[in-house]
């Protein structure tokens, strides 16, 4: 009986969601982070550096934390790809909260509330579709010198007779566009990034 209880407890543990964390622009997520800091923070067994897919079929050198665990996996890109230092970007996993309170799955209206007003994004259904910026809003002024970028994707079934041209393709879409609510656009991914401060100092 005791053995069965232990086995059941272990099985339940495997089903339990990963613990959530709130990411801030410091520590392992600071501009001066490095692969060495990630190993110190998350353990060497959970940190792998190598080639990862980049935009338009390219590849990048990045460090992946918790590889193989979609709920916790984070990808860290570096401005110095030789020493794996100076954080360029980190992807925020679905279980975590990004700076400013952003989370994967949030609606456009929820993000507007966090931003303190409307924002702009690109139209959907192309390589750079659904990406939003927050210049001038509260989400555009994150403590720690980082910036957040999110991508939205429609989640609702779209009727064949619905005219989606105003939110499609290489165009700017304002968050107040009613079609965004019709297609139930929600955050699909979040990235926290930094400019190359060393280049700015030159």
Protein backbone atom coordinates (compact mmCIF):
# COMPACT_ATOMS: atom_id res chain seq x y z
CA UNK A 1 0.00 0.00 0.00
CA UNK A 2 2.77 2.45 0.98
CA UNK A 3 4.57 1.75 -2.29
CA UNK A 4 1.41 2.46 -4.27
CA UNK A 5 0.89 5.76 -2.45
CA UNK A 6 4.46 6.85 -3.20
CA UNK A 7 4.08 5.91 -6.86
CA UNK A 8 0.80 7.81 -7.10
CA UNK A 9 2.36 10.87 -5.47
CA UNK A 10 5.18 10.79 -8.00
CA UNK A 11 2.70 10.51 -10.88
CA UNK A 12 0.70 13.48 -9.57
CA UNK A 13 3.92 15.44 -9.28
CA UNK A 14 4.63 14.85 -12.95
CA UNK A 15 1.20 16.21 -13.83
CA UNK A 16 1.52 19.30 -11.65
CA UNK A 17 2.24 22.54 -13.51
CA UNK A 18 5.71 24.05 -13.27
CA UNK A 19 5.97 26.75 -10.63
CA UNK A 20 5.56 30.25 -12.03
CA UNK A 21 8.03 33.08 -11.56
CA UNK A 22 7.98 36.80 -12.19
CA UNK A 23 10.86 37.86 -14.40
CA UNK A 24 12.57 41.19 -13.72
CA UNK A 25 15.42 42.80 -15.66
CA UNK A 26 18.09 41.83 -13.15
CA UNK A 27 20.06 38.79 -12.02
CA UNK A 28 20.19 36.17 -14.80
CA UNK A 29 17.94 38.44 -16.90
CA UNK A 30 20.11 41.57 -16.56
CA UNK A 31 21.98 43.22 -19.42
CA UNK A 32 25.32 41.97 -18.04
CA UNK A 33 24.17 38.35 -17.76
CA UNK A 34 26.20 35.48 -19.20
CA UNK A 35 26.15 31.75 -19.79
CA UNK A 36 28.21 31.35 -16.61
CA UNK A 37 25.55 33.17 -14.59
CA UNK A 38 22.84 30.94 -16.05
CA UNK A 39 24.79 27.83 -15.02
CA UNK A 40 25.18 29.26 -11.52
CA UNK A 41 21.48 30.14 -11.30
CA UNK A 42 19.77 27.18 -12.98
CA UNK A 43 22.38 24.41 -12.76
CA UNK A 44 24.70 23.17 -15.49
CA UNK A 45 22.48 20.19 -16.28
CA UNK A 46 19.71 22.60 -17.31
CA UNK A 47 21.79 24.88 -19.56
CA UNK A 48 22.75 24.10 -23.18
CA UNK A 49 24.46 26.45 -25.66
CA UNK A 50 24.42 25.89 -29.43
CA UNK A 51 22.73 26.75 -32.69
CA UNK A 52 19.03 27.61 -32.65
CA UNK A 53 16.65 28.58 -35.48
CA UNK A 54 16.64 32.28 -36.37
CA UNK A 55 14.42 34.44 -38.59
CA UNK A 56 13.93 33.61 -42.27
CA UNK A 57 15.76 30.28 -42.14
CA UNK A 58 18.88 31.60 -40.42
CA UNK A 59 20.56 30.14 -37.32
CA UNK A 60 21.82 31.85 -34.17
CA UNK A 61 24.03 30.90 -31.26
CA UNK A 62 21.98 30.97 -28.07
CA UNK A 63 21.77 29.36 -24.65
CA UNK A 64 18.68 27.32 -23.81
CA UNK A 65 17.61 26.84 -20.20
CA UNK A 66 15.37 23.85 -19.36
CA UNK A 67 15.53 22.43 -22.92
CA UNK A 68 12.77 19.96 -23.68
CA UNK A 69 10.34 21.48 -21.15
CA UNK A 70 8.00 23.71 -23.22
CA UNK A 71 6.44 25.27 -20.12
CA UNK A 72 9.76 26.45 -18.64
CA UNK A 73 12.14 26.65 -21.60
CA UNK A 74 13.95 29.96 -22.08
CA UNK A 75 16.26 30.99 -24.91
CA UNK A 76 19.03 33.51 -24.17
CA UNK A 77 20.74 35.29 -27.05
CA UNK A 78 24.05 37.12 -26.63
CA UNK A 79 25.60 40.21 -28.16
CA UNK A 80 28.97 38.50 -27.59
CA UNK A 81 28.47 35.09 -29.21
CA UNK A 82 32.09 34.08 -28.48
CA UNK A 83 32.10 34.57 -24.71
CA UNK A 84 28.30 34.12 -24.34
CA UNK A 85 27.96 37.42 -22.52
CA UNK A 86 25.92 40.66 -22.74
CA UNK A 87 22.30 39.59 -22.98
CA UNK A 88 20.58 40.50 -26.24
CA UNK A 89 17.24 38.80 -25.56
CA UNK A 90 15.50 36.12 -23.54
CA UNK A 91 12.21 34.42 -24.38
CA UNK A 92 9.67 34.25 -21.54
CA UNK A 93 8.13 30.81 -20.93
CA UNK A 94 4.34 30.38 -20.71
CA UNK A 95 4.33 29.75 -16.94
CA UNK A 96 6.18 32.96 -16.09
CA UNK A 97 5.20 36.62 -15.86
CA UNK A 98 7.26 39.08 -17.90
CA UNK A 99 8.24 42.58 -16.75
CA UNK A 100 5.20 44.83 -16.62
CA UNK A 101 2.88 41.94 -15.74
CA UNK A 102 2.65 40.46 -19.24
CA UNK A 103 1.76 36.78 -19.64
CA UNK A 104 1.28 34.48 -22.61
CA UNK A 105 -2.45 34.18 -23.39
CA UNK A 106 -3.41 37.75 -22.45
CA UNK A 107 -5.93 39.54 -24.65
CA UNK A 108 -5.33 42.86 -26.39
CA UNK A 109 -7.60 44.61 -23.88
CA UNK A 110 -5.66 43.18 -20.93
CA UNK A 111 -2.39 44.40 -22.44
CA UNK A 112 -3.90 47.84 -23.05
CA UNK A 113 -4.72 48.02 -19.35
CA UNK A 114 -1.13 47.18 -18.39
CA UNK A 115 0.19 49.70 -20.91
CA UNK A 116 -2.08 52.46 -19.68
CA UNK A 117 -3.45 53.02 -23.17
CA UNK A 118 -3.46 51.81 -26.79
CA UNK A 119 -0.45 50.47 -28.64
CA UNK A 120 0.42 49.34 -32.17
CA UNK A 121 1.18 45.98 -33.73
CA UNK A 122 1.84 44.61 -37.20
CA UNK A 123 -0.85 42.81 -39.19
CA UNK A 124 -1.13 39.01 -39.06
CA UNK A 125 -0.37 36.15 -41.43
CA UNK A 126 3.20 36.92 -42.53
CA UNK A 127 6.69 36.31 -41.11
CA UNK A 128 6.62 39.32 -38.80
CA UNK A 129 2.91 39.32 -38.08
CA UNK A 130 1.34 40.30 -34.77
CA UNK A 131 4.42 41.93 -33.21
CA UNK A 132 3.65 44.81 -30.86
CA UNK A 133 5.68 47.67 -29.45
CA UNK A 134 4.87 49.95 -26.54
CA UNK A 135 6.74 53.18 -27.17
CA UNK A 136 5.21 55.95 -25.08
CA UNK A 137 3.25 53.58 -22.83
CA UNK A 138 3.95 52.13 -19.41
CA UNK A 139 5.20 48.90 -20.98
CA UNK A 140 7.72 50.97 -22.91
CA UNK A 141 9.39 52.15 -19.70
CA UNK A 142 10.42 49.00 -17.84
CA UNK A 143 12.83 49.33 -14.87
CA UNK A 144 16.26 47.85 -15.53
CA UNK A 145 16.79 49.21 -19.03
CA UNK A 146 15.17 46.30 -20.87
CA UNK A 147 12.30 46.36 -23.34
CA UNK A 148 9.52 43.86 -23.87
CA UNK A 149 8.21 42.70 -27.22
CA UNK A 150 5.16 40.50 -27.66
CA UNK A 151 3.58 38.73 -30.59
CA UNK A 152 -0.16 38.25 -30.85
CA UNK A 153 -2.01 35.56 -32.76
CA UNK A 154 -5.74 35.16 -33.53
CA UNK A 155 -7.24 32.31 -31.50
CA UNK A 156 -10.86 32.29 -32.66
CA UNK A 157 -12.29 30.45 -35.65
CA UNK A 158 -12.52 33.03 -38.41
CA UNK A 159 -15.61 32.90 -40.66
CA UNK A 160 -14.77 32.67 -44.34
CA UNK A 161 -16.83 35.78 -45.14
CA UNK A 162 -15.09 37.99 -42.53
CA UNK A 163 -13.04 40.79 -44.11
CA UNK A 164 -9.71 40.60 -42.23
CA UNK A 165 -7.77 42.85 -44.62
CA UNK A 166 -7.50 45.69 -42.01
CA UNK A 167 -5.47 43.37 -39.72
CA UNK A 168 -3.58 41.35 -42.35
CA UNK A 169 -0.09 41.69 -43.79
CA UNK A 170 2.63 44.31 -43.53
CA UNK A 171 0.63 47.14 -41.99
CA UNK A 172 0.28 48.90 -38.64
CA UNK A 173 -2.76 47.94 -36.59
CA UNK A 174 -3.88 50.00 -33.58
CA UNK A 175 -4.93 47.95 -30.56
CA UNK A 176 -8.38 49.55 -30.59
CA UNK A 177 -9.22 47.90 -33.92
CA UNK A 178 -12.50 45.96 -33.30
CA UNK A 179 -11.38 43.06 -35.50
CA UNK A 180 -8.70 42.17 -32.95
CA UNK A 181 -11.45 41.33 -30.48
CA UNK A 182 -13.46 39.50 -33.15
CA UNK A 183 -10.54 37.15 -33.88
CA UNK A 184 -9.66 37.01 -30.15
CA UNK A 185 -6.02 38.02 -30.63
CA UNK A 186 -3.89 36.93 -27.66
CA UNK A 187 -0.22 36.96 -26.72
CA UNK A 188 1.57 33.98 -28.27
CA UNK A 189 5.13 34.86 -27.24
CA UNK A 190 7.05 37.38 -25.14
CA UNK A 191 10.68 38.44 -25.49
CA UNK A 192 12.70 40.64 -23.15
CA UNK A 193 15.64 42.38 -24.83
CA UNK A 194 18.42 44.92 -24.48
CA UNK A 195 20.27 47.18 -26.92
CA UNK A 196 23.97 46.51 -27.40
CA UNK A 197 25.18 48.91 -24.71
CA UNK A 198 28.84 48.35 -25.61
CA UNK A 199 28.17 49.55 -29.15
CA UNK A 200 26.43 52.65 -27.80
CA UNK A 201 29.51 53.47 -25.73
CA UNK A 202 31.84 53.40 -28.79
